[in-house]
PDB file of N, CA and C in Angstrom:
ATOM      1  N   MET A   1     -18.747  -5.615  13.833  1.00  0.00           N
ATOM      2  CA  MET A   1     -17.075  -6.364  12.766  1.00  0.00           C
ATOM      3  C   MET A   1     -16.583  -5.481  12.773  1.00  0.00           C
ATOM      4  N   SER A   2     -16.364  -4.151  13.208  1.00  0.00           N
ATOM      5  CA  SER A   2     -15.287  -2.933  12.904  1.00  0.00           C
ATOM      6  C   SER A   2     -15.422  -2.555  14.209  1.00  0.00           C
ATOM      7  N   GLU A   3     -13.961  -2.223  14.502  1.00  0.00           N
ATOM      8  CA  GLU A   3     -14.393  -1.388  15.707  1.00  0.00           C
ATOM      9  C   GLU A   3     -12.847   0.005  15.214  1.00  0.00           C
ATOM     10  N   SER A   4     -13.394   1.090  16.547  1.00  0.00           N
ATOM     11  CA  SER A   4     -12.351   1.967  16.235  1.00  0.00           C
ATOM     12  C   SER A   4     -11.645   1.867  16.998  1.00  0.00           C
ATOM     13  N   THR A   5     -10.060   2.217  16.647  1.00  0.00           N
ATOM     14  CA  THR A   5      -8.645   2.362  17.635  1.00  0.00           C
ATOM     15  C   THR A   5      -8.327   3.905  17.888  1.00  0.00           C
ATOM     16  N   GLY A   6      -8.737   4.766  17.423  1.00  0.00           N
ATOM     17  CA  GLY A   6      -8.665   5.927  17.383  1.00  0.00           C
ATOM     18  C   GLY A   6      -9.083   7.045  16.768  1.00  0.00           C
ATOM     19  N   ALA A   7      -8.660   8.026  16.485  1.00  0.00           N
ATOM     20  CA  ALA A   7      -9.633   9.003  15.830  1.00  0.00           C
ATOM     21  C   ALA A   7      -9.808   8.684  14.458  1.00  0.00           C
ATOM     22  N   GLU A   8      -9.076   7.987  13.418  1.00  0.00           N
ATOM     23  CA  GLU A   8      -9.024   7.876  12.502  1.00  0.00           C
ATOM     24  C   GLU A   8      -8.334   6.498  11.473  1.00  0.00           C
ATOM     25  N   THR A   9      -8.084   5.480  13.160  1.00  0.00           N
ATOM     26  CA  THR A   9      -8.095   4.016  12.472  1.00  0.00           C
ATOM     27  C   THR A   9      -9.591   3.062  13.128  1.00  0.00           C
ATOM     28  N   GLU A  10      -9.502   2.038  11.767  1.00  0.00           N
ATOM     29  CA  GLU A  10     -10.572   1.455  12.064  1.00  0.00           C
ATOM     30  C   GLU A  10      -9.558  -0.205  12.153  1.00  0.00           C
ATOM     31  N   ARG A  11     -10.473  -1.391  13.063  1.00  0.00           N
ATOM     32  CA  ARG A  11     -10.004  -2.715  12.136  1.00  0.00           C
ATOM     33  C   ARG A  11     -10.777  -3.367  12.663  1.00  0.00           C
ATOM     34  N   ALA A  12     -11.042  -4.355  10.914  1.00  0.00           N
ATOM     35  CA  ALA A  12     -12.296  -5.596  11.143  1.00  0.00           C
ATOM     36  C   ALA A  12     -11.178  -6.730  11.306  1.00  0.00           C
ATOM     37  N   THR A  13     -11.990  -7.901  11.482  1.00  0.00           N
ATOM     38  CA  THR A  13     -11.622  -8.864  11.624  1.00  0.00           C
ATOM     39  C   THR A  13     -12.369  -9.771  10.381  1.00  0.00           C
ATOM     40  N   LEU A  14     -11.751 -10.697   9.851  1.00  0.00           N
ATOM     41  CA  LEU A  14     -11.982 -11.354   8.197  1.00  0.00           C
ATOM     42  C   LEU A  14     -11.936 -12.616   8.701  1.00  0.00           C
ATOM     43  N   ASP A  15     -13.306 -12.802   9.727  1.00  0.00           N
ATOM     44  CA  ASP A  15     -13.717 -14.330  10.271  1.00  0.00           C
ATOM     45  C   ASP A  15     -14.437 -14.968   9.913  1.00  0.00           C
ATOM     46  N   GLY A  16     -14.997 -14.457   9.088  1.00  0.00           N
ATOM     47  CA  GLY A  16     -15.715 -15.563   7.618  1.00  0.00           C
ATOM     48  C   GLY A  16     -17.083 -16.108   8.133  1.00  0.00           C
ATOM     49  N   ASP A  17     -17.410 -15.457   9.678  1.00  0.00           N
ATOM     50  CA  ASP A  17     -18.960 -15.725   9.985  1.00  0.00           C
ATOM     51  C   ASP A  17     -20.126 -15.534   9.483  1.00  0.00           C
ATOM     52  N   GLY A  18     -19.664 -13.684   8.575  1.00  0.00           N
ATOM     53  CA  GLY A  18     -20.573 -13.297   7.982  1.00  0.00           C
ATOM     54  C   GLY A  18     -21.762 -14.044   7.141  1.00  0.00           C
ATOM     55  N   GLY A  19     -21.287 -14.800   5.963  1.00  0.00           N
ATOM     56  CA  GLY A  19     -22.366 -15.148   5.694  1.00  0.00           C
ATOM     57  C   GLY A  19     -22.211 -13.758   4.391  1.00  0.00           C
ATOM     58  N   GLY A  20     -22.046 -15.224   3.101  1.00  0.00           N
ATOM     59  CA  GLY A  20     -22.619 -14.031   1.873  1.00  0.00           C
ATOM     60  C   GLY A  20     -21.282 -12.913   1.862  1.00  0.00           C
ATOM     61  N   ARG A  21     -22.589 -11.439   2.208  1.00  0.00           N
ATOM     62  CA  ARG A  21     -21.709 -10.100   2.066  1.00  0.00           C
ATOM     63  C   ARG A  21     -21.996  -9.600   3.123  1.00  0.00           C
ATOM     64  N   THR A  22     -20.392  -9.213   4.081  1.00  0.00           N
ATOM     65  CA  THR A  22     -20.437  -8.542   4.925  1.00  0.00           C
ATOM     66  C   THR A  22     -19.440  -7.136   4.646  1.00  0.00           C
ATOM     67  N   ARG A  23     -19.909  -5.827   5.291  1.00  0.00           N
ATOM     68  CA  ARG A  23     -20.006  -4.203   4.659  1.00  0.00           C
ATOM     69  C   ARG A  23     -18.768  -3.930   6.364  1.00  0.00           C
ATOM     70  N   LEU A  24     -17.474  -4.099   6.220  1.00  0.00           N
ATOM     71  CA  LEU A  24     -16.788  -4.361   6.842  1.00  0.00           C
ATOM     72  C   LEU A  24     -16.357  -3.221   7.426  1.00  0.00           C
ATOM     73  N   PHE A  25     -16.501  -1.649   6.718  1.00  0.00           N
ATOM     74  CA  PHE A  25     -16.481  -0.319   7.634  1.00  0.00           C
ATOM     75  C   PHE A  25     -17.822   0.319   6.933  1.00  0.00           C
ATOM     76  N   GLU A  26     -18.311   1.469   7.687  1.00  0.00           N
ATOM     77  CA  GLU A  26     -18.956   2.308   7.324  1.00  0.00           C
ATOM     78  C   GLU A  26     -19.177   3.307   6.573  1.00  0.00           C
ATOM     79  N   GLU A  27     -17.379   3.654   6.578  1.00  0.00           N
ATOM     80  CA  GLU A  27     -17.397   5.368   5.843  1.00  0.00           C
ATOM     81  C   GLU A  27     -16.212   4.749   4.073  1.00  0.00           C
ATOM     82  N   GLU A  28     -16.295   5.177   3.471  1.00  0.00           N
ATOM     83  CA  GLU A  28     -15.532   4.893   2.521  1.00  0.00           C
ATOM     84  C   GLU A  28     -13.896   3.949   2.845  1.00  0.00           C
ATOM     85  N   PRO A  29     -13.830   4.000   1.559  1.00  0.00           N
ATOM     86  CA  PRO A  29     -13.713   2.976   0.776  1.00  0.00           C
ATOM     87  C   PRO A  29     -14.836   1.912   1.096  1.00  0.00           C
ATOM     88  N   LYS A  30     -15.618   2.099  -0.177  1.00  0.00           N
ATOM     89  CA  LYS A  30     -16.345   0.793   0.962  1.00  0.00           C
ATOM     90  C   LYS A  30     -16.004  -0.346   0.756  1.00  0.00           C
ATOM     91  N   THR A  31     -16.711  -1.289   1.829  1.00  0.00           N
ATOM     92  CA  THR A  31     -14.895  -2.245   2.108  1.00  0.00           C
ATOM     93  C   THR A  31     -16.155  -3.945   2.146  1.00  0.00           C
ATOM     94  N   ILE A  32     -15.781  -4.967   1.319  1.00  0.00           N
ATOM     95  CA  ILE A  32     -16.803  -5.881   1.582  1.00  0.00           C
ATOM     96  C   ILE A  32     -16.002  -7.407   1.923  1.00  0.00           C
ATOM     97  N   GLN A  33     -16.443  -8.002   2.660  1.00  0.00           N
ATOM     98  CA  GLN A  33     -15.487  -9.095   2.176  1.00  0.00           C
ATOM     99  C   GLN A  33     -17.204 -10.020   1.623  1.00  0.00           C
ATOM    100  N   LEU A  34     -16.737 -10.612   0.949  1.00  0.00           N
ATOM    101  CA  LEU A  34     -18.072 -11.878   0.132  1.00  0.00           C
ATOM    102  C   LEU A  34     -17.406 -13.606   0.125  1.00  0.00           C
ATOM    103  N   ALA A  35     -18.385 -14.479   0.752  1.00  0.00           N
ATOM    104  CA  ALA A  35     -17.897 -15.201   1.078  1.00  0.00           C
ATOM    105  C   ALA A  35     -19.225 -16.083  -0.153  1.00  0.00           C
ATOM    106  N   LEU A  36     -18.405 -17.242  -0.702  1.00  0.00           N
ATOM    107  CA  LEU A  36     -19.733 -17.721  -1.994  1.00  0.00           C
ATOM    108  C   LEU A  36     -19.616 -19.136  -1.818  1.00  0.00           C
ATOM    109  N   ASP A  37     -20.067 -20.106  -1.813  1.00  0.00           N
ATOM    110  CA  ASP A  37     -20.471 -21.430  -2.219  1.00  0.00           C
ATOM    111  C   ASP A  37     -20.008 -21.982  -3.073  1.00  0.00           C
ATOM    112  N   ALA A  38     -19.465 -23.093  -2.826  1.00  0.00           N
ATOM    113  CA  ALA A  38     -19.487 -23.523  -4.732  1.00  0.00           C
ATOM    114  C   ALA A  38     -20.796 -23.973  -5.621  1.00  0.00           C
ATOM    115  N   GLY A  39     -20.419 -23.048  -6.660  1.00  0.00           N
ATOM    116  CA  GLY A  39     -21.755 -22.999  -7.305  1.00  0.00           C
ATOM    117  C   GLY A  39     -22.883 -21.827  -7.915  1.00  0.00           C
ATOM    118  N   GLU A  40     -21.788 -21.038  -6.512  1.00  0.00           N
ATOM    119  CA  GLU A  40     -23.356 -19.990  -6.749  1.00  0.00           C
ATOM    120  C   GLU A  40     -22.583 -18.916  -6.915  1.00  0.00           C
ATOM    121  N   SER A  41     -23.338 -17.871  -7.615  1.00  0.00           N
ATOM    122  CA  SER A  41     -23.106 -16.532  -8.507  1.00  0.00           C
ATOM    123  C   SER A  41     -23.870 -15.890  -8.280  1.00  0.00           C
ATOM    124  N   ILE A  42     -23.161 -14.476  -8.632  1.00  0.00           N
ATOM    125  CA  ILE A  42     -24.355 -13.295  -8.161  1.00  0.00           C
ATOM    126  C   ILE A  42     -23.986 -12.670  -9.654  1.00  0.00           C
ATOM    127  N   PRO A  43     -25.796 -12.076 -10.238  1.00  0.00           N
ATOM    128  CA  PRO A  43     -25.694 -11.624 -11.097  1.00  0.00           C
ATOM    129  C   PRO A  43     -25.486 -10.486 -11.560  1.00  0.00           C
ATOM    130  N   ALA A  44     -24.787 -10.380 -13.368  1.00  0.00           N
ATOM    131  CA  ALA A  44     -24.346  -9.005 -13.461  1.00  0.00           C
ATOM    132  C   ALA A  44     -25.042  -8.141 -13.288  1.00  0.00           C
ATOM    133  N   HIS A  45     -24.399  -7.634 -12.426  1.00  0.00           N
ATOM    134  CA  HIS A  45     -24.895  -5.558 -11.646  1.00  0.00           C
ATOM    135  C   HIS A  45     -23.300  -4.847 -12.146  1.00  0.00           C
ATOM    136  N   LYS A  46     -23.617  -3.917 -11.826  1.00  0.00           N
ATOM    137  CA  LYS A  46     -22.572  -2.639 -12.364  1.00  0.00           C
ATOM    138  C   LYS A  46     -22.508  -1.512 -10.205  1.00  0.00           C
ATOM    139  N   HIS A  47     -20.985  -1.248 -10.627  1.00  0.00           N
ATOM    140  CA  HIS A  47     -21.037  -0.171  -9.350  1.00  0.00           C
ATOM    141  C   HIS A  47     -20.651   1.344 -10.380  1.00  0.00           C
ATOM    142  N   PRO A  48     -21.033   1.920 -10.656  1.00  0.00           N
ATOM    143  CA  PRO A  48     -20.760   2.864 -11.417  1.00  0.00           C
ATOM    144  C   PRO A  48     -19.936   3.942 -10.833  1.00  0.00           C
ATOM    145  N   GLY A  49     -18.887   4.389 -10.943  1.00  0.00           N
ATOM    146  CA  GLY A  49     -18.306   5.331 -10.588  1.00  0.00           C
ATOM    147  C   GLY A  49     -17.102   4.709  -9.063  1.00  0.00           C
ATOM    148  N   ARG A  50     -17.172   3.394  -9.905  1.00  0.00           N
ATOM    149  CA  ARG A  50     -15.964   3.317  -8.754  1.00  0.00           C
ATOM    150  C   ARG A  50     -14.810   2.662  -9.745  1.00  0.00           C
ATOM    151  N   ASP A  51     -14.241   2.517  -8.948  1.00  0.00           N
ATOM    152  CA  ASP A  51     -13.049   1.628  -9.260  1.00  0.00           C
ATOM    153  C   ASP A  51     -12.483   0.244  -8.060  1.00  0.00           C
ATOM    154  N   ILE A  52     -12.950  -0.957  -8.518  1.00  0.00           N
ATOM    155  CA  ILE A  52     -12.839  -2.742  -7.616  1.00  0.00           C
ATOM    156  C   ILE A  52     -11.407  -3.360  -7.342  1.00  0.00           C
ATOM    157  N   VAL A  53     -11.236  -3.198  -6.334  1.00  0.00           N
ATOM    158  CA  VAL A  53      -9.778  -4.520  -5.723  1.00  0.00           C
ATOM    159  C   VAL A  53     -10.838  -5.544  -5.300  1.00  0.00           C
ATOM    160  N   PHE A  54     -10.726  -6.278  -6.279  1.00  0.00           N
ATOM    161  CA  PHE A  54     -10.917  -7.558  -5.588  1.00  0.00           C
ATOM    162  C   PHE A  54      -9.864  -8.820  -5.501  1.00  0.00           C
ATOM    163  N   LEU A  55      -9.828  -9.245  -4.104  1.00  0.00           N
ATOM    164  CA  LEU A  55      -8.567 -10.440  -3.663  1.00  0.00           C
ATOM    165  C   LEU A  55      -9.309 -11.196  -3.167  1.00  0.00           C
ATOM    166  N   LEU A  56      -8.397 -13.068  -3.694  1.00  0.00           N
ATOM    167  CA  LEU A  56      -9.767 -13.622  -3.866  1.00  0.00           C
ATOM    168  C   LEU A  56      -8.747 -14.561  -2.333  1.00  0.00           C
ATOM    169  N   ARG A  57      -9.289 -14.818  -1.022  1.00  0.00           N
ATOM    170  CA  ARG A  57      -8.685 -14.960  -0.311  1.00  0.00           C
ATOM    171  C   ARG A  57      -8.060 -16.982   0.512  1.00  0.00           C
ATOM    172  N   SER A  58      -9.955 -16.884  -0.539  1.00  0.00           N
ATOM    173  CA  SER A  58      -9.308 -19.074  -0.605  1.00  0.00           C
ATOM    174  C   SER A  58     -10.373 -19.417  -1.246  1.00  0.00           C
ATOM    175  N   GLY A  59     -10.709 -20.087  -2.133  1.00  0.00           N
ATOM    176  CA  GLY A  59     -11.521 -21.319  -2.659  1.00  0.00           C
ATOM    177  C   GLY A  59     -11.073 -20.941  -4.629  1.00  0.00           C
ATOM    178  N   ALA A  60     -12.557 -20.804  -5.510  1.00  0.00           N
ATOM    179  CA  ALA A  60     -12.165 -20.686  -7.010  1.00  0.00           C
ATOM    180  C   ALA A  60     -12.912 -19.504  -7.164  1.00  0.00           C
ATOM    181  N   VAL A  61     -12.647 -18.523  -8.705  1.00  0.00           N
ATOM    182  CA  VAL A  61     -13.808 -18.030  -8.911  1.00  0.00           C
ATOM    183  C   VAL A  61     -13.876 -17.396 -10.326  1.00  0.00           C
ATOM    184  N   ASP A  62     -14.844 -17.612 -10.257  1.00  0.00           N
ATOM    185  CA  ASP A  62     -14.488 -17.421 -12.470  1.00  0.00           C
ATOM    186  C   ASP A  62     -15.719 -15.374 -12.177  1.00  0.00           C
ATOM    187  N   LEU A  63     -14.529 -15.005 -12.299  1.00  0.00           N
ATOM    188  CA  LEU A  63     -14.798 -13.297 -12.318  1.00  0.00           C
ATOM    189  C   LEU A  63     -15.081 -13.065 -13.344  1.00  0.00           C
ATOM    190  N   THR A  64     -16.416 -13.116 -14.360  1.00  0.00           N
ATOM    191  CA  THR A  64     -17.026 -12.279 -15.705  1.00  0.00           C
ATOM    192  C   THR A  64     -16.487 -10.501 -15.375  1.00  0.00           C
ATOM    193  N   LEU A  65     -15.864  -9.916 -16.163  1.00  0.00           N
ATOM    194  CA  LEU A  65     -15.551  -8.194 -15.804  1.00  0.00           C
ATOM    195  C   LEU A  65     -16.488  -8.465 -17.963  1.00  0.00           C
ATOM    196  N   GLY A  66     -17.368  -8.225 -17.934  1.00  0.00           N
ATOM    197  CA  GLY A  66     -17.983  -7.029 -18.923  1.00  0.00           C
ATOM    198  C   GLY A  66     -18.005  -9.066 -19.708  1.00  0.00           C
ATOM    199  N   ASP A  67     -17.116  -9.029 -21.331  1.00  0.00           N
ATOM    200  CA  ASP A  67     -16.967  -9.834 -21.900  1.00  0.00           C
ATOM    201  C   ASP A  67     -15.781 -10.800 -21.587  1.00  0.00           C
ATOM    202  N   GLU A  68     -15.709 -10.288 -20.803  1.00  0.00           N
ATOM    203  CA  GLU A  68     -14.112 -10.657 -20.501  1.00  0.00           C
ATOM    204  C   GLU A  68     -13.931 -11.688 -19.593  1.00  0.00           C
ATOM    205  N   THR A  69     -13.393 -13.303 -18.809  1.00  0.00           N
ATOM    206  CA  THR A  69     -13.716 -14.352 -17.851  1.00  0.00           C
ATOM    207  C   THR A  69     -12.407 -14.356 -16.947  1.00  0.00           C
ATOM    208  N   VAL A  70     -12.315 -13.796 -15.970  1.00  0.00           N
ATOM    209  CA  VAL A  70     -10.862 -14.645 -15.480  1.00  0.00           C
ATOM    210  C   VAL A  70     -10.593 -15.475 -14.275  1.00  0.00           C
ATOM    211  N   SER A  71      -9.850 -15.645 -14.389  1.00  0.00           N
ATOM    212  CA  SER A  71     -10.442 -17.576 -13.374  1.00  0.00           C
ATOM    213  C   SER A  71      -9.232 -17.154 -12.115  1.00  0.00           C
ATOM    214  N   LEU A  72     -10.242 -17.204 -10.618  1.00  0.00           N
ATOM    215  CA  LEU A  72      -8.494 -16.693  -9.673  1.00  0.00           C
ATOM    216  C   LEU A  72      -8.403 -17.413  -8.887  1.00  0.00           C
ATOM    217  N   SER A  73      -7.570 -17.458  -8.905  1.00  0.00           N
ATOM    218  CA  SER A  73      -7.473 -18.738  -7.498  1.00  0.00           C
ATOM    219  C   SER A  73      -6.473 -17.753  -6.477  1.00  0.00           C
ATOM    220  N   PRO A  74      -6.199 -18.691  -4.323  1.00  0.00           N
ATOM    221  CA  PRO A  74      -5.891 -17.846  -3.726  1.00  0.00           C
ATOM    222  C   PRO A  74      -5.018 -17.222  -3.623  1.00  0.00           C
ATOM    223  N   GLY A  75      -5.051 -15.952  -3.357  1.00  0.00           N
ATOM    224  CA  GLY A  75      -4.282 -14.834  -3.261  1.00  0.00           C
ATOM    225  C   GLY A  75      -4.284 -13.961  -5.094  1.00  0.00           C
ATOM    226  N   ASP A  76      -4.540 -14.314  -5.580  1.00  0.00           N
ATOM    227  CA  ASP A  76      -4.778 -13.282  -6.618  1.00  0.00           C
ATOM    228  C   ASP A  76      -5.675 -11.820  -6.498  1.00  0.00           C
ATOM    229  N   VAL A  77      -4.593 -10.789  -6.954  1.00  0.00           N
ATOM    230  CA  VAL A  77      -5.772  -9.771  -7.295  1.00  0.00           C
ATOM    231  C   VAL A  77      -6.058  -8.982  -8.811  1.00  0.00           C
ATOM    232  N   VAL A  78      -7.170  -8.885  -8.278  1.00  0.00           N
ATOM    233  CA  VAL A  78      -7.612  -7.983  -9.481  1.00  0.00           C
ATOM    234  C   VAL A  78      -8.064  -6.492  -9.135  1.00  0.00           C
ATOM    235  N   ARG A  79      -7.593  -5.492 -10.625  1.00  0.00           N
ATOM    236  CA  ARG A  79      -7.997  -4.644 -10.063  1.00  0.00           C
ATOM    237  C   ARG A  79      -9.449  -3.593 -11.437  1.00  0.00           C
ATOM    238  N   PHE A  80     -10.176  -3.162 -10.995  1.00  0.00           N
ATOM    239  CA  PHE A  80     -11.561  -2.951 -12.670  1.00  0.00           C
ATOM    240  C   PHE A  80     -12.216  -1.945 -12.201  1.00  0.00           C
ATOM    241  N   ASP A  81     -12.860  -1.717 -13.462  1.00  0.00           N
ATOM    242  CA  ASP A  81     -13.202  -0.173 -13.213  1.00  0.00           C
ATOM    243  C   ASP A  81     -15.170  -0.793 -12.617  1.00  0.00           C
ATOM    244  N   GLY A  82     -15.456  -0.227 -12.580  1.00  0.00           N
ATOM    245  CA  GLY A  82     -17.133  -0.803 -11.710  1.00  0.00           C
ATOM    246  C   GLY A  82     -17.781  -0.167 -12.588  1.00  0.00           C
ATOM    247  N   ASP A  83     -18.058   0.521 -13.817  1.00  0.00           N
ATOM    248  CA  ASP A  83     -18.835   0.549 -14.850  1.00  0.00           C
ATOM    249  C   ASP A  83     -19.529  -0.235 -15.422  1.00  0.00           C
ATOM    250  N   GLN A  84     -18.986  -1.326 -15.497  1.00  0.00           N
ATOM    251  CA  GLN A  84     -18.665  -2.438 -16.859  1.00  0.00           C
ATOM    252  C   GLN A  84     -19.790  -3.694 -15.868  1.00  0.00           C
ATOM    253  N   ASP A  85     -20.342  -4.249 -16.546  1.00  0.00           N
ATOM    254  CA  ASP A  85     -21.326  -5.554 -16.056  1.00  0.00           C
ATOM    255  C   ASP A  85     -20.089  -6.141 -14.874  1.00  0.00           C
ATOM    256  N   ILE A  86     -20.456  -6.822 -13.682  1.00  0.00           N
ATOM    257  CA  ILE A  86     -19.562  -7.603 -13.413  1.00  0.00           C
ATOM    258  C   ILE A  86     -20.297  -8.525 -12.632  1.00  0.00           C
ATOM    259  N   SER A  87     -19.752 -10.075 -12.563  1.00  0.00           N
ATOM    260  CA  SER A  87     -20.076 -11.554 -12.188  1.00  0.00           C
ATOM    261  C   SER A  87     -18.945 -12.819 -11.802  1.00  0.00           C
ATOM    262  N   PRO A  88     -19.323 -12.497 -10.491  1.00  0.00           N
ATOM    263  CA  PRO A  88     -18.734 -12.734 -10.018  1.00  0.00           C
ATOM    264  C   PRO A  88     -19.295 -14.981  -9.775  1.00  0.00           C
ATOM    265  N   ALA A  89     -18.922 -15.802 -10.083  1.00  0.00           N
ATOM    266  CA  ALA A  89     -19.295 -17.482  -9.834  1.00  0.00           C
ATOM    267  C   ALA A  89     -18.095 -18.243  -9.406  1.00  0.00           C
ATOM    268  N   ALA A  90     -18.589 -18.640  -7.869  1.00  0.00           N
ATOM    269  CA  ALA A  90     -16.921 -19.579  -7.713  1.00  0.00           C
ATOM    270  C   ALA A  90     -17.313 -20.834  -7.810  1.00  0.00           C
ATOM    271  N   THR A  91     -16.256 -21.862  -8.124  1.00  0.00           N
ATOM    272  CA  THR A  91     -16.440 -22.904  -8.448  1.00  0.00           C
ATOM    273  C   THR A  91     -16.022 -23.828  -7.424  1.00  0.00           C
ATOM    274  N   ALA A  92     -15.695 -23.161  -5.967  1.00  0.00           N
ATOM    275  CA  ALA A  92     -14.949 -23.945  -5.568  1.00  0.00           C
ATOM    276  C   ALA A  92     -15.258 -23.022  -3.765  1.00  0.00           C
ATOM    277  N   ASP A  93     -16.200 -23.571  -2.401  1.00  0.00           N
ATOM    278  CA  ASP A  93     -16.292 -22.552  -1.231  1.00  0.00           C
ATOM    279  C   ASP A  93     -15.112 -20.981  -1.599  1.00  0.00           C
ATOM    280  N   SER A  94     -15.442 -19.788  -1.443  1.00  0.00           N
ATOM    281  CA  SER A  94     -14.525 -19.003  -1.917  1.00  0.00           C
ATOM    282  C   SER A  94     -14.897 -17.640  -0.841  1.00  0.00           C
ATOM    283  N   GLU A  95     -13.411 -17.285  -0.455  1.00  0.00           N
ATOM    284  CA  GLU A  95     -14.412 -16.005   0.125  1.00  0.00           C
ATOM    285  C   GLU A  95     -12.973 -14.726  -0.595  1.00  0.00           C
ATOM    286  N   ALA A  96     -13.574 -13.811  -0.789  1.00  0.00           N
ATOM    287  CA  ALA A  96     -12.534 -12.288  -1.339  1.00  0.00           C
ATOM    288  C   ALA A  96     -12.973 -11.198  -0.366  1.00  0.00           C
ATOM    289  N   LEU A  97     -12.205 -10.167  -0.330  1.00  0.00           N
ATOM    290  CA  LEU A  97     -12.633  -8.991  -0.100  1.00  0.00           C
ATOM    291  C   LEU A  97     -12.468  -8.092  -1.138  1.00  0.00           C
ATOM    292  N   LEU A  98     -13.200  -6.954  -1.352  1.00  0.00           N
ATOM    293  CA  LEU A  98     -13.822  -6.157  -1.898  1.00  0.00           C
ATOM    294  C   LEU A  98     -13.594  -5.176  -1.514  1.00  0.00           C
ATOM    295  N   VAL A  99     -12.470  -4.016  -2.437  1.00  0.00           N
ATOM    296  CA  VAL A  99     -12.576  -2.843  -2.217  1.00  0.00           C
ATOM    297  C   VAL A  99     -12.915  -1.813  -3.332  1.00  0.00           C
ATOM    298  N   LEU A 100     -14.280  -0.790  -3.141  1.00  0.00           N
ATOM    299  CA  LEU A 100     -14.683  -0.085  -3.377  1.00  0.00           C
ATOM    300  C   LEU A 100     -14.556   1.370  -3.391  1.00  0.00           C
ATOM    301  N   ALA A 101     -13.658   1.827  -4.097  1.00  0.00           N
ATOM    302  CA  ALA A 101     -13.360   3.511  -4.544  1.00  0.00           C
ATOM    303  C   ALA A 101     -13.794   3.829  -4.910  1.00  0.00           C
ATOM    304  N   THR A 102     -14.370   5.452  -4.874  1.00  0.00           N
ATOM    305  CA  THR A 102     -15.005   6.164  -6.019  1.00  0.00           C
ATOM    306  C   THR A 102     -13.350   6.786  -6.703  1.00  0.00           C
ATOM    307  N   SER A 103     -14.176   6.586  -7.717  1.00  0.00           N
ATOM    308  CA  SER A 103     -13.417   7.080  -9.251  1.00  0.00           C
ATOM    309  C   SER A 103     -12.602   8.564  -9.405  1.00  0.00           C
ATOM    310  N   GLU A 104     -11.930   9.095  -9.856  1.00  0.00           N
ATOM    311  CA  GLU A 104     -11.677   9.957 -10.317  1.00  0.00           C
ATOM    312  C   GLU A 104     -12.434  10.669 -11.248  1.00  0.00           C
TER     313      GLU A 104
END
């Protein structure tokens, strides 16, 4: 999915053929392409010690963060603390890009 183009440059293609969860790069920050079918969700979980950026590329997702649910449309970007319960639920076939960076 990714290729090295130089000493410190990596390149990946968001081609949507990986299905489910695809890790785009091996090194930090952790970068994931997420594909969910309409009605599919990921159970509540945490990413302790991470700050997360969630970019919805297509579809529609209800993203539950702790006690709050945020409805996302294509192009919406949310940044949040991974120490809380996280649960995305697709209300339409959806693709998202997530970046999980180590918290300071």
